[in-house]
Amino acid sequence: MNTISFKDFEKIDLRVGTIIEVKDFAKAKNPAYQLSIDFGPLGLKKTSAQITTLYKKQDLLNRQVIAVVNFPKKQIANFMSECLLLGAVNTKDVVLLHPQQQVTNGSTVS
């Protein structure tokens, strides 16, 4: 395991957002969704996520999630990802991390 300094950790901008749109991502190499997430004052950000095994589209709508919002954009097939959802890898499936209670979109995670 590589260690980082606290100063390195402070560079990561973790925020809470609410998924407001979910689409199938047909051009992805592995089954995935395209998500639009509302981060309040930061606006809407899009990302893709390989979470189709554990989550149905309708189960993701209006769900709060945690994401890194200050990575550079990344091209995935014909789609530009603007943030990275956080999840725990359980064998091969990703279980999304989320706040235990409803919080304001854009809230920081520390």
PDB file of N, CA and C in Angstrom:
ATOM      1  N   MET A   1       0.846  -1.176   0.000  1.00  0.00           N
ATOM      2  CA  MET A   1       0.000   0.000   0.000  1.00  0.00           C
ATOM      3  C   MET A   1       0.892   1.241   0.000  1.00  0.00           C
ATOM      4  N   ASN A   2       0.590   2.157  -0.903  1.00  0.00           N
ATOM      5  CA  ASN A   2       1.304   3.430  -0.950  1.00  0.00           C
ATOM      6  C   ASN A   2       0.664   4.398   0.032  1.00  0.00           C
ATOM      7  N   THR A   3       1.479   5.156   0.713  1.00  0.00           N
ATOM      8  CA  THR A   3       0.940   6.163   1.626  1.00  0.00           C
ATOM      9  C   THR A   3       1.016   7.528   0.951  1.00  0.00           C
ATOM     10  N   ILE A   4       0.093   8.397   1.334  1.00  0.00           N
ATOM     11  CA  ILE A   4       0.099   9.775   0.855  1.00  0.00           C
ATOM     12  C   ILE A   4       0.090  10.688   2.067  1.00  0.00           C
ATOM     13  N   SER A   5       0.450  11.916   1.845  1.00  0.00           N
ATOM     14  CA  SER A   5       0.423  12.881   2.938  1.00  0.00           C
ATOM     15  C   SER A   5      -0.993  13.439   3.075  1.00  0.00           C
ATOM     16  N   PHE A   6      -1.256  14.046   4.218  1.00  0.00           N
ATOM     17  CA  PHE A   6      -2.557  14.687   4.406  1.00  0.00           C
ATOM     18  C   PHE A   6      -2.736  15.808   3.388  1.00  0.00           C
ATOM     19  N   LYS A   7      -1.636  16.466   3.048  1.00  0.00           N
ATOM     20  CA  LYS A   7      -1.684  17.531   2.047  1.00  0.00           C
ATOM     21  C   LYS A   7      -2.161  16.972   0.700  1.00  0.00           C
ATOM     22  N   ASP A   8      -1.724  15.752   0.353  1.00  0.00           N
ATOM     23  CA  ASP A   8      -2.208  15.104  -0.874  1.00  0.00           C
ATOM     24  C   ASP A   8      -3.706  14.833  -0.784  1.00  0.00           C
ATOM     25  N   PHE A   9      -4.155  14.323   0.350  1.00  0.00           N
ATOM     26  CA  PHE A   9      -5.577  14.022   0.543  1.00  0.00           C
ATOM     27  C   PHE A   9      -6.434  15.274   0.391  1.00  0.00           C
ATOM     28  N   GLU A  10      -5.939  16.400   0.893  1.00  0.00           N
ATOM     29  CA  GLU A  10      -6.704  17.653   0.827  1.00  0.00           C
ATOM     30  C   GLU A  10      -6.947  18.114  -0.610  1.00  0.00           C
ATOM     31  N   LYS A  11      -6.185  17.610  -1.561  1.00  0.00           N
ATOM     32  CA  LYS A  11      -6.359  17.979  -2.967  1.00  0.00           C
ATOM     33  C   LYS A  11      -7.578  17.295  -3.586  1.00  0.00           C
ATOM     34  N   ILE A  12      -8.051  16.215  -2.985  1.00  0.00           N
ATOM     35  CA  ILE A  12      -9.176  15.454  -3.534  1.00  0.00           C
ATOM     36  C   ILE A  12     -10.472  16.115  -3.092  1.00  0.00           C
ATOM     37  N   ASP A  13     -11.293  16.472  -4.064  1.00  0.00           N
ATOM     38  CA  ASP A  13     -12.569  17.130  -3.772  1.00  0.00           C
ATOM     39  C   ASP A  13     -13.684  16.091  -3.846  1.00  0.00           C
ATOM     40  N   LEU A  14     -14.098  15.602  -2.680  1.00  0.00           N
ATOM     41  CA  LEU A  14     -15.176  14.615  -2.574  1.00  0.00           C
ATOM     42  C   LEU A  14     -16.470  15.345  -2.262  1.00  0.00           C
ATOM     43  N   ARG A  15     -17.518  15.069  -3.063  1.00  0.00           N
ATOM     44  CA  ARG A  15     -18.794  15.750  -2.875  1.00  0.00           C
ATOM     45  C   ARG A  15     -19.954  14.775  -2.958  1.00  0.00           C
ATOM     46  N   VAL A  16     -21.056  15.174  -2.353  1.00  0.00           N
ATOM     47  CA  VAL A  16     -22.301  14.419  -2.437  1.00  0.00           C
ATOM     48  C   VAL A  16     -23.150  15.018  -3.550  1.00  0.00           C
ATOM     49  N   GLY A  17     -23.737  14.135  -4.352  1.00  0.00           N
ATOM     50  CA  GLY A  17     -24.644  14.576  -5.407  1.00  0.00           C
ATOM     51  C   GLY A  17     -25.801  13.606  -5.534  1.00  0.00           C
ATOM     52  N   THR A  18     -26.826  14.020  -6.257  1.00  0.00           N
ATOM     53  CA  THR A  18     -28.004  13.189  -6.481  1.00  0.00           C
ATOM     54  C   THR A  18     -28.094  12.823  -7.961  1.00  0.00           C
ATOM     55  N   ILE A  19     -28.253  11.535  -8.222  1.00  0.00           N
ATOM     56  CA  ILE A  19     -28.393  11.057  -9.603  1.00  0.00           C
ATOM     57  C   ILE A  19     -29.765  11.491 -10.112  1.00  0.00           C
ATOM     58  N   ILE A  20     -29.760  12.230 -11.222  1.00  0.00           N
ATOM     59  CA  ILE A  20     -31.036  12.722 -11.759  1.00  0.00           C
ATOM     60  C   ILE A  20     -31.376  12.106 -13.119  1.00  0.00           C
ATOM     61  N   GLU A  21     -30.430  11.408 -13.730  1.00  0.00           N
ATOM     62  CA  GLU A  21     -30.700  10.757 -15.013  1.00  0.00           C
ATOM     63  C   GLU A  21     -29.799   9.532 -15.158  1.00  0.00           C
ATOM     64  N   VAL A  22     -30.373   8.450 -15.677  1.00  0.00           N
ATOM     65  CA  VAL A  22     -29.637   7.201 -15.893  1.00  0.00           C
ATOM     66  C   VAL A  22     -29.977   6.684 -17.283  1.00  0.00           C
ATOM     67  N   LYS A  23     -28.923   6.417 -18.076  1.00  0.00           N
ATOM     68  CA  LYS A  23     -29.113   5.868 -19.425  1.00  0.00           C
ATOM     69  C   LYS A  23     -28.209   4.649 -19.593  1.00  0.00           C
ATOM     70  N   ASP A  24     -28.636   3.730 -20.447  1.00  0.00           N
ATOM     71  CA  ASP A  24     -27.756   2.629 -20.824  1.00  0.00           C
ATOM     72  C   ASP A  24     -26.599   3.200 -21.631  1.00  0.00           C
ATOM     73  N   PHE A  25     -25.414   2.591 -21.466  1.00  0.00           N
ATOM     74  CA  PHE A  25     -24.214   3.034 -22.185  1.00  0.00           C
ATOM     75  C   PHE A  25     -23.817   1.925 -23.156  1.00  0.00           C
ATOM     76  N   ALA A  26     -24.455   1.902 -24.292  1.00  0.00           N
ATOM     77  CA  ALA A  26     -24.302   0.815 -25.264  1.00  0.00           C
ATOM     78  C   ALA A  26     -22.885   0.700 -25.819  1.00  0.00           C
ATOM     79  N   LYS A  27     -22.152   1.805 -25.920  1.00  0.00           N
ATOM     80  CA  LYS A  27     -20.822   1.765 -26.533  1.00  0.00           C
ATOM     81  C   LYS A  27     -19.704   1.438 -25.537  1.00  0.00           C
ATOM     82  N   ALA A  28     -20.029   1.252 -24.288  1.00  0.00           N
ATOM     83  CA  ALA A  28     -19.007   0.889 -23.290  1.00  0.00           C
ATOM     84  C   ALA A  28     -18.528  -0.534 -23.527  1.00  0.00           C
ATOM     85  N   LYS A  29     -17.255  -0.806 -23.218  1.00  0.00           N
ATOM     86  CA  LYS A  29     -16.696  -2.157 -23.373  1.00  0.00           C
ATOM     87  C   LYS A  29     -17.409  -3.159 -22.475  1.00  0.00           C
ATOM     88  N   ASN A  30     -17.698  -2.743 -21.246  1.00  0.00           N
ATOM     89  CA  ASN A  30     -18.400  -3.576 -20.268  1.00  0.00           C
ATOM     90  C   ASN A  30     -19.740  -2.914 -19.969  1.00  0.00           C
ATOM     91  N   PRO A  31     -20.749  -3.692 -19.573  1.00  0.00           N
ATOM     92  CA  PRO A  31     -22.061  -3.092 -19.278  1.00  0.00           C
ATOM     93  C   PRO A  31     -21.937  -1.933 -18.286  1.00  0.00           C
ATOM     94  N   ALA A  32     -22.544  -0.809 -18.652  1.00  0.00           N
ATOM     95  CA  ALA A  32     -22.422   0.396 -17.821  1.00  0.00           C
ATOM     96  C   ALA A  32     -23.623   1.297 -18.049  1.00  0.00           C
ATOM     97  N   TYR A  33     -23.763   2.267 -17.143  1.00  0.00           N
ATOM     98  CA  TYR A  33     -24.755   3.318 -17.272  1.00  0.00           C
ATOM     99  C   TYR A  33     -24.041   4.653 -17.475  1.00  0.00           C
ATOM    100  N   GLN A  34     -24.736   5.579 -18.119  1.00  0.00           N
ATOM    101  CA  GLN A  34     -24.335   6.980 -18.149  1.00  0.00           C
ATOM    102  C   GLN A  34     -25.211   7.695 -17.132  1.00  0.00           C
ATOM    103  N   LEU A  35     -24.592   8.412 -16.219  1.00  0.00           N
ATOM    104  CA  LEU A  35     -25.317   9.075 -15.141  1.00  0.00           C
ATOM    105  C   LEU A  35     -25.130  10.582 -15.208  1.00  0.00           C
ATOM    106  N   SER A  36     -26.189  11.324 -14.916  1.00  0.00           N
ATOM    107  CA  SER A  36     -26.106  12.769 -14.693  1.00  0.00           C
ATOM    108  C   SER A  36     -26.354  12.988 -13.212  1.00  0.00           C
ATOM    109  N   ILE A  37     -25.437  13.717 -12.573  1.00  0.00           N
ATOM    110  CA  ILE A  37     -25.492  13.895 -11.123  1.00  0.00           C
ATOM    111  C   ILE A  37     -25.532  15.379 -10.795  1.00  0.00           C
ATOM    112  N   ASP A  38     -26.466  15.760  -9.938  1.00  0.00           N
ATOM    113  CA  ASP A  38     -26.631  17.142  -9.494  1.00  0.00           C
ATOM    114  C   ASP A  38     -25.772  17.366  -8.254  1.00  0.00           C
ATOM    115  N   PHE A  39     -24.760  18.237  -8.391  1.00  0.00           N
ATOM    116  CA  PHE A  39     -23.884  18.572  -7.273  1.00  0.00           C
ATOM    117  C   PHE A  39     -24.180  19.966  -6.730  1.00  0.00           C
ATOM    118  N   GLY A  40     -25.438  20.370  -6.803  1.00  0.00           N
ATOM    119  CA  GLY A  40     -25.842  21.666  -6.236  1.00  0.00           C
ATOM    120  C   GLY A  40     -25.090  22.820  -6.859  1.00  0.00           C
ATOM    121  N   PRO A  41     -24.339  23.591  -6.046  1.00  0.00           N
ATOM    122  CA  PRO A  41     -23.650  24.777  -6.567  1.00  0.00           C
ATOM    123  C   PRO A  41     -22.589  24.452  -7.624  1.00  0.00           C
ATOM    124  N   LEU A  42     -22.134  23.207  -7.679  1.00  0.00           N
ATOM    125  CA  LEU A  42     -21.142  22.823  -8.691  1.00  0.00           C
ATOM    126  C   LEU A  42     -21.805  22.485 -10.023  1.00  0.00           C
ATOM    127  N   GLY A  43     -23.114  22.371 -10.029  1.00  0.00           N
ATOM    128  CA  GLY A  43     -23.845  22.059 -11.253  1.00  0.00           C
ATOM    129  C   GLY A  43     -23.959  20.574 -11.514  1.00  0.00           C
ATOM    130  N   LEU A  44     -24.348  20.244 -12.743  1.00  0.00           N
ATOM    131  CA  LEU A  44     -24.496  18.848 -13.169  1.00  0.00           C
ATOM    132  C   LEU A  44     -23.175  18.328 -13.700  1.00  0.00           C
ATOM    133  N   LYS A  45     -22.875  17.085 -13.363  1.00  0.00           N
ATOM    134  CA  LYS A  45     -21.704  16.406 -13.908  1.00  0.00           C
ATOM    135  C   LYS A  45     -22.152  15.040 -14.384  1.00  0.00           C
ATOM    136  N   LYS A  46     -21.497  14.570 -15.437  1.00  0.00           N
ATOM    137  CA  LYS A  46     -21.830  13.268 -16.007  1.00  0.00           C
ATOM    138  C   LYS A  46     -20.691  12.292 -15.732  1.00  0.00           C
ATOM    139  N   THR A  47     -21.063  11.033 -15.617  1.00  0.00           N
ATOM    140  CA  THR A  47     -20.070   9.983 -15.447  1.00  0.00           C
ATOM    141  C   THR A  47     -20.655   8.684 -15.965  1.00  0.00           C
ATOM    142  N   SER A  48     -19.784   7.707 -16.162  1.00  0.00           N
ATOM    143  CA  SER A  48     -20.262   6.365 -16.484  1.00  0.00           C
ATOM    144  C   SER A  48     -19.866   5.454 -15.334  1.00  0.00           C
ATOM    145  N   ALA A  49     -20.641   4.407 -15.151  1.00  0.00           N
ATOM    146  CA  ALA A  49     -20.379   3.494 -14.033  1.00  0.00           C
ATOM    147  C   ALA A  49     -20.775   2.074 -14.423  1.00  0.00           C
ATOM    148  N   GLN A  50     -19.876   1.147 -14.137  1.00  0.00           N
ATOM    149  CA  GLN A  50     -20.130  -0.273 -14.401  1.00  0.00           C
ATOM    150  C   GLN A  50     -20.804  -0.883 -13.174  1.00  0.00           C
ATOM    151  N   ILE A  51     -22.068  -0.536 -12.994  1.00  0.00           N
ATOM    152  CA  ILE A  51     -22.808  -0.953 -11.802  1.00  0.00           C
ATOM    153  C   ILE A  51     -24.122  -1.634 -12.175  1.00  0.00           C
ATOM    154  N   THR A  52     -24.198  -2.145 -13.398  1.00  0.00           N
ATOM    155  CA  THR A  52     -25.459  -2.705 -13.895  1.00  0.00           C
ATOM    156  C   THR A  52     -25.837  -4.020 -13.230  1.00  0.00           C
ATOM    157  N   THR A  53     -24.884  -4.712 -12.632  1.00  0.00           N
ATOM    158  CA  THR A  53     -25.183  -5.995 -11.987  1.00  0.00           C
ATOM    159  C   THR A  53     -26.013  -5.809 -10.726  1.00  0.00           C
ATOM    160  N   LEU A  54     -25.659  -4.831  -9.918  1.00  0.00           N
ATOM    161  CA  LEU A  54     -26.326  -4.636  -8.626  1.00  0.00           C
ATOM    162  C   LEU A  54     -27.434  -3.584  -8.650  1.00  0.00           C
ATOM    163  N   TYR A  55     -27.441  -2.709  -9.663  1.00  0.00           N
ATOM    164  CA  TYR A  55     -28.377  -1.588  -9.653  1.00  0.00           C
ATOM    165  C   TYR A  55     -29.190  -1.524 -10.950  1.00  0.00           C
ATOM    166  N   LYS A  56     -30.485  -1.379 -10.812  1.00  0.00           N
ATOM    167  CA  LYS A  56     -31.381  -1.113 -11.932  1.00  0.00           C
ATOM    168  C   LYS A  56     -31.475   0.404 -12.103  1.00  0.00           C
ATOM    169  N   LYS A  57     -31.758   0.836 -13.314  1.00  0.00           N
ATOM    170  CA  LYS A  57     -31.817   2.283 -13.582  1.00  0.00           C
ATOM    171  C   LYS A  57     -32.781   2.996 -12.638  1.00  0.00           C
ATOM    172  N   GLN A  58     -33.966   2.432 -12.452  1.00  0.00           N
ATOM    173  CA  GLN A  58     -34.963   3.110 -11.619  1.00  0.00           C
ATOM    174  C   GLN A  58     -34.532   3.180 -10.148  1.00  0.00           C
ATOM    175  N   ASP A  59     -33.670   2.254  -9.709  1.00  0.00           N
ATOM    176  CA  ASP A  59     -33.189   2.269  -8.322  1.00  0.00           C
ATOM    177  C   ASP A  59     -32.146   3.358  -8.097  1.00  0.00           C
ATOM    178  N   LEU A  60     -31.519   3.820  -9.168  1.00  0.00           N
ATOM    179  CA  LEU A  60     -30.471   4.832  -9.054  1.00  0.00           C
ATOM    180  C   LEU A  60     -31.023   6.254  -9.066  1.00  0.00           C
ATOM    181  N   LEU A  61     -32.169   6.442  -9.700  1.00  0.00           N
ATOM    182  CA  LEU A  61     -32.734   7.787  -9.776  1.00  0.00           C
ATOM    183  C   LEU A  61     -33.006   8.358  -8.387  1.00  0.00           C
ATOM    184  N   ASN A  62     -32.596   9.587  -8.182  1.00  0.00           N
ATOM    185  CA  ASN A  62     -32.773  10.324  -6.925  1.00  0.00           C
ATOM    186  C   ASN A  62     -31.956   9.756  -5.771  1.00  0.00           C
ATOM    187  N   ARG A  63     -31.005   8.911  -6.055  1.00  0.00           N
ATOM    188  CA  ARG A  63     -30.117   8.338  -5.031  1.00  0.00           C
ATOM    189  C   ARG A  63     -28.911   9.266  -4.849  1.00  0.00           C
ATOM    190  N   GLN A  64     -28.570   9.537  -3.606  1.00  0.00           N
ATOM    191  CA  GLN A  64     -27.368  10.330  -3.345  1.00  0.00           C
ATOM    192  C   GLN A  64     -26.143   9.429  -3.381  1.00  0.00           C
ATOM    193  N   VAL A  65     -25.062   9.977  -3.936  1.00  0.00           N
ATOM    194  CA  VAL A  65     -23.806   9.252  -4.088  1.00  0.00           C
ATOM    195  C   VAL A  65     -22.656  10.176  -3.718  1.00  0.00           C
ATOM    196  N   ILE A  66     -21.479   9.591  -3.604  1.00  0.00           N
ATOM    197  CA  ILE A  66     -20.266  10.353  -3.320  1.00  0.00           C
ATOM    198  C   ILE A  66     -19.334  10.197  -4.518  1.00  0.00           C
ATOM    199  N   ALA A  67     -18.726  11.315  -4.918  1.00  0.00           N
ATOM    200  CA  ALA A  67     -17.857  11.280  -6.091  1.00  0.00           C
ATOM    201  C   ALA A  67     -16.679  12.228  -5.917  1.00  0.00           C
ATOM    202  N   VAL A  68     -15.609  11.928  -6.644  1.00  0.00           N
ATOM    203  CA  VAL A  68     -14.483  12.850  -6.792  1.00  0.00           C
ATOM    204  C   VAL A  68     -14.857  13.768  -7.946  1.00  0.00           C
ATOM    205  N   VAL A  69     -14.855  15.081  -7.697  1.00  0.00           N
ATOM    206  CA  VAL A  69     -15.314  16.014  -8.723  1.00  0.00           C
ATOM    207  C   VAL A  69     -14.198  16.860  -9.330  1.00  0.00           C
ATOM    208  N   ASN A  70     -12.952  16.653  -8.896  1.00  0.00           N
ATOM    209  CA  ASN A  70     -11.881  17.492  -9.441  1.00  0.00           C
ATOM    210  C   ASN A  70     -10.816  16.711 -10.220  1.00  0.00           C
ATOM    211  N   PHE A  71     -11.173  15.543 -10.736  1.00  0.00           N
ATOM    212  CA  PHE A  71     -10.303  14.875 -11.701  1.00  0.00           C
ATOM    213  C   PHE A  71     -10.504  15.540 -13.059  1.00  0.00           C
ATOM    214  N   PRO A  72      -9.506  15.452 -13.939  1.00  0.00           N
ATOM    215  CA  PRO A  72      -9.754  15.953 -15.292  1.00  0.00           C
ATOM    216  C   PRO A  72     -10.793  15.089 -16.000  1.00  0.00           C
ATOM    217  N   LYS A  73     -11.483  15.664 -16.980  1.00  0.00           N
ATOM    218  CA  LYS A  73     -12.456  14.898 -17.757  1.00  0.00           C
ATOM    219  C   LYS A  73     -11.756  13.738 -18.453  1.00  0.00           C
ATOM    220  N   LYS A  74     -12.518  12.639 -18.657  1.00  0.00           N
ATOM    221  CA  LYS A  74     -11.944  11.457 -19.286  1.00  0.00           C
ATOM    222  C   LYS A  74     -12.896  10.949 -20.363  1.00  0.00           C
ATOM    223  N   GLN A  75     -12.352  10.739 -21.550  1.00  0.00           N
ATOM    224  CA  GLN A  75     -13.141  10.210 -22.668  1.00  0.00           C
ATOM    225  C   GLN A  75     -13.297   8.706 -22.499  1.00  0.00           C
ATOM    226  N   ILE A  76     -14.544   8.230 -22.494  1.00  0.00           N
ATOM    227  CA  ILE A  76     -14.847   6.802 -22.427  1.00  0.00           C
ATOM    228  C   ILE A  76     -15.763   6.516 -23.605  1.00  0.00           C
ATOM    229  N   ALA A  77     -15.227   5.822 -24.614  1.00  0.00           N
ATOM    230  CA  ALA A  77     -15.941   5.597 -25.871  1.00  0.00           C
ATOM    231  C   ALA A  77     -16.360   6.962 -26.418  1.00  0.00           C
ATOM    232  N   ASN A  78     -17.658   7.170 -26.657  1.00  0.00           N
ATOM    233  CA  ASN A  78     -18.140   8.440 -27.199  1.00  0.00           C
ATOM    234  C   ASN A  78     -18.682   9.373 -26.114  1.00  0.00           C
ATOM    235  N   PHE A  79     -18.251   9.176 -24.875  1.00  0.00           N
ATOM    236  CA  PHE A  79     -18.822   9.864 -23.713  1.00  0.00           C
ATOM    237  C   PHE A  79     -17.713  10.521 -22.899  1.00  0.00           C
ATOM    238  N   MET A  80     -17.958  11.741 -22.407  1.00  0.00           N
ATOM    239  CA  MET A  80     -16.976  12.447 -21.587  1.00  0.00           C
ATOM    240  C   MET A  80     -17.386  12.352 -20.115  1.00  0.00           C
ATOM    241  N   SER A  81     -16.584  11.658 -19.318  1.00  0.00           N
ATOM    242  CA  SER A  81     -16.847  11.509 -17.887  1.00  0.00           C
ATOM    243  C   SER A  81     -16.241  12.695 -17.147  1.00  0.00           C
ATOM    244  N   GLU A  82     -17.035  13.283 -16.228  1.00  0.00           N
ATOM    245  CA  GLU A  82     -16.615  14.495 -15.526  1.00  0.00           C
ATOM    246  C   GLU A  82     -16.384  14.301 -14.032  1.00  0.00           C
ATOM    247  N   CYS A  83     -16.671  13.121 -13.514  1.00  0.00           N
ATOM    248  CA  CYS A  83     -16.442  12.847 -12.102  1.00  0.00           C
ATOM    249  C   CYS A  83     -16.284  11.338 -11.926  1.00  0.00           C
ATOM    250  N   LEU A  84     -15.898  10.923 -10.744  1.00  0.00           N
ATOM    251  CA  LEU A  84     -15.686   9.504 -10.460  1.00  0.00           C
ATOM    252  C   LEU A  84     -16.495   9.100  -9.234  1.00  0.00           C
ATOM    253  N   LEU A  85     -17.474   8.212  -9.433  1.00  0.00           N
ATOM    254  CA  LEU A  85     -18.259   7.699  -8.307  1.00  0.00           C
ATOM    255  C   LEU A  85     -17.386   6.837  -7.412  1.00  0.00           C
ATOM    256  N   LEU A  86     -17.669   6.848  -6.137  1.00  0.00           N
ATOM    257  CA  LEU A  86     -16.933   6.007  -5.197  1.00  0.00           C
ATOM    258  C   LEU A  86     -17.786   4.811  -4.801  1.00  0.00           C
ATOM    259  N   GLY A  87     -17.124   3.675  -4.704  1.00  0.00           N
ATOM    260  CA  GLY A  87     -17.807   2.455  -4.313  1.00  0.00           C
ATOM    261  C   GLY A  87     -16.813   1.458  -3.759  1.00  0.00           C
ATOM    262  N   ALA A  88     -17.332   0.497  -3.054  1.00  0.00           N
ATOM    263  CA  ALA A  88     -16.525  -0.598  -2.526  1.00  0.00           C
ATOM    264  C   ALA A  88     -16.652  -1.777  -3.482  1.00  0.00           C
ATOM    265  N   VAL A  89     -15.525  -2.384  -3.816  1.00  0.00           N
ATOM    266  CA  VAL A  89     -15.546  -3.531  -4.717  1.00  0.00           C
ATOM    267  C   VAL A  89     -15.778  -4.781  -3.881  1.00  0.00           C
ATOM    268  N   ASN A  90     -16.904  -5.427  -4.148  1.00  0.00           N
ATOM    269  CA  ASN A  90     -17.279  -6.655  -3.440  1.00  0.00           C
ATOM    270  C   ASN A  90     -17.123  -7.785  -4.443  1.00  0.00           C
ATOM    271  N   THR A  91     -16.042  -8.530  -4.340  1.00  0.00           N
ATOM    272  CA  THR A  91     -15.601  -9.519  -5.348  1.00  0.00           C
ATOM    273  C   THR A  91     -15.414  -8.792  -6.666  1.00  0.00           C
ATOM    274  N   LYS A  92     -16.396  -8.781  -7.561  1.00  0.00           N
ATOM    275  CA  LYS A  92     -16.238  -8.058  -8.827  1.00  0.00           C
ATOM    276  C   LYS A  92     -17.240  -6.930  -9.001  1.00  0.00           C
ATOM    277  N   ASP A  93     -18.232  -6.848  -8.145  1.00  0.00           N
ATOM    278  CA  ASP A  93     -19.274  -5.830  -8.258  1.00  0.00           C
ATOM    279  C   ASP A  93     -18.953  -4.623  -7.384  1.00  0.00           C
ATOM    280  N   VAL A  94     -19.401  -3.451  -7.843  1.00  0.00           N
ATOM    281  CA  VAL A  94     -19.179  -2.210  -7.103  1.00  0.00           C
ATOM    282  C   VAL A  94     -20.445  -1.851  -6.335  1.00  0.00           C
ATOM    283  N   VAL A  95     -20.286  -1.630  -5.025  1.00  0.00           N
ATOM    284  CA  VAL A  95     -21.371  -1.185  -4.157  1.00  0.00           C
ATOM    285  C   VAL A  95     -21.135   0.305  -3.901  1.00  0.00           C
ATOM    286  N   LEU A  96     -22.065   1.142  -4.344  1.00  0.00           N
ATOM    287  CA  LEU A  96     -21.896   2.589  -4.237  1.00  0.00           C
ATOM    288  C   LEU A  96     -21.859   3.067  -2.788  1.00  0.00           C
ATOM    289  N   LEU A  97     -20.990   4.042  -2.538  1.00  0.00           N
ATOM    290  CA  LEU A  97     -20.950   4.704  -1.235  1.00  0.00           C
ATOM    291  C   LEU A  97     -21.957   5.845  -1.256  1.00  0.00           C
ATOM    292  N   HIS A  98     -22.604   6.069  -0.122  1.00  0.00           N
ATOM    293  CA  HIS A  98     -23.607   7.129  -0.039  1.00  0.00           C
ATOM    294  C   HIS A  98     -23.747   7.579   1.399  1.00  0.00           C
ATOM    295  N   PRO A  99     -24.237   8.822   1.609  1.00  0.00           N
ATOM    296  CA  PRO A  99     -24.456   9.284   2.987  1.00  0.00           C
ATOM    297  C   PRO A  99     -25.596   8.494   3.630  1.00  0.00           C
ATOM    298  N   GLN A 100     -25.537   8.332   4.940  1.00  0.00           N
ATOM    299  CA  GLN A 100     -26.585   7.610   5.662  1.00  0.00           C
ATOM    300  C   GLN A 100     -27.869   8.419   5.774  1.00  0.00           C
ATOM    301  N   GLN A 101     -27.746   9.726   5.673  1.00  0.00           N
ATOM    302  CA  GLN A 101     -28.912  10.611   5.718  1.00  0.00           C
ATOM    303  C   GLN A 101     -28.856  11.536   4.513  1.00  0.00           C
ATOM    304  N   GLN A 102     -30.003  12.064   4.115  1.00  0.00           N
ATOM    305  CA  GLN A 102     -30.065  13.035   3.028  1.00  0.00           C
ATOM    306  C   GLN A 102     -29.275  14.270   3.423  1.00  0.00           C
ATOM    307  N   VAL A 103     -28.414  14.741   2.523  1.00  0.00           N
ATOM    308  CA  VAL A 103     -27.644  15.970   2.760  1.00  0.00           C
ATOM    309  C   VAL A 103     -27.786  16.864   1.530  1.00  0.00           C
ATOM    310  N   THR A 104     -27.359  18.091   1.655  1.00  0.00           N
ATOM    311  CA  THR A 104     -27.437  19.042   0.565  1.00  0.00           C
ATOM    312  C   THR A 104     -26.483  18.635  -0.560  1.00  0.00           C
ATOM    313  N   ASN A 105     -26.988  18.659  -1.811  1.00  0.00           N
ATOM    314  CA  ASN A 105     -26.111  18.366  -2.950  1.00  0.00           C
ATOM    315  C   ASN A 105     -24.946  19.353  -2.976  1.00  0.00           C
ATOM    316  N   GLY A 106     -23.770  18.818  -3.219  1.00  0.00           N
ATOM    317  CA  GLY A 106     -22.557  19.619  -3.214  1.00  0.00           C
ATOM    318  C   GLY A 106     -21.839  19.614  -1.884  1.00  0.00           C
ATOM    319  N   SER A 107     -22.445  18.993  -0.854  1.00  0.00           N
ATOM    320  CA  SER A 107     -21.781  18.911   0.456  1.00  0.00           C
ATOM    321  C   SER A 107     -20.428  18.237   0.305  1.00  0.00           C
ATOM    322  N   THR A 108     -19.444  18.723   1.043  1.00  0.00           N
ATOM    323  CA  THR A 108     -18.109  18.131   0.993  1.00  0.00           C
ATOM    324  C   THR A 108     -18.070  16.887   1.876  1.00  0.00           C
ATOM    325  N   VAL A 109     -17.173  15.980   1.520  1.00  0.00           N
ATOM    326  CA  VAL A 109     -16.939  14.762   2.298  1.00  0.00           C
ATOM    327  C   VAL A 109     -15.508  14.868   2.825  1.00  0.00           C
ATOM    328  N   SER A 110     -15.354  14.672   4.125  1.00  0.00           N
ATOM    329  CA  SER A 110     -14.008  14.781   4.702  1.00  0.00           C
ATOM    330  C   SER A 110     -13.775  13.668   5.697  1.00  0.00           C
TER     331      SER A 110
END
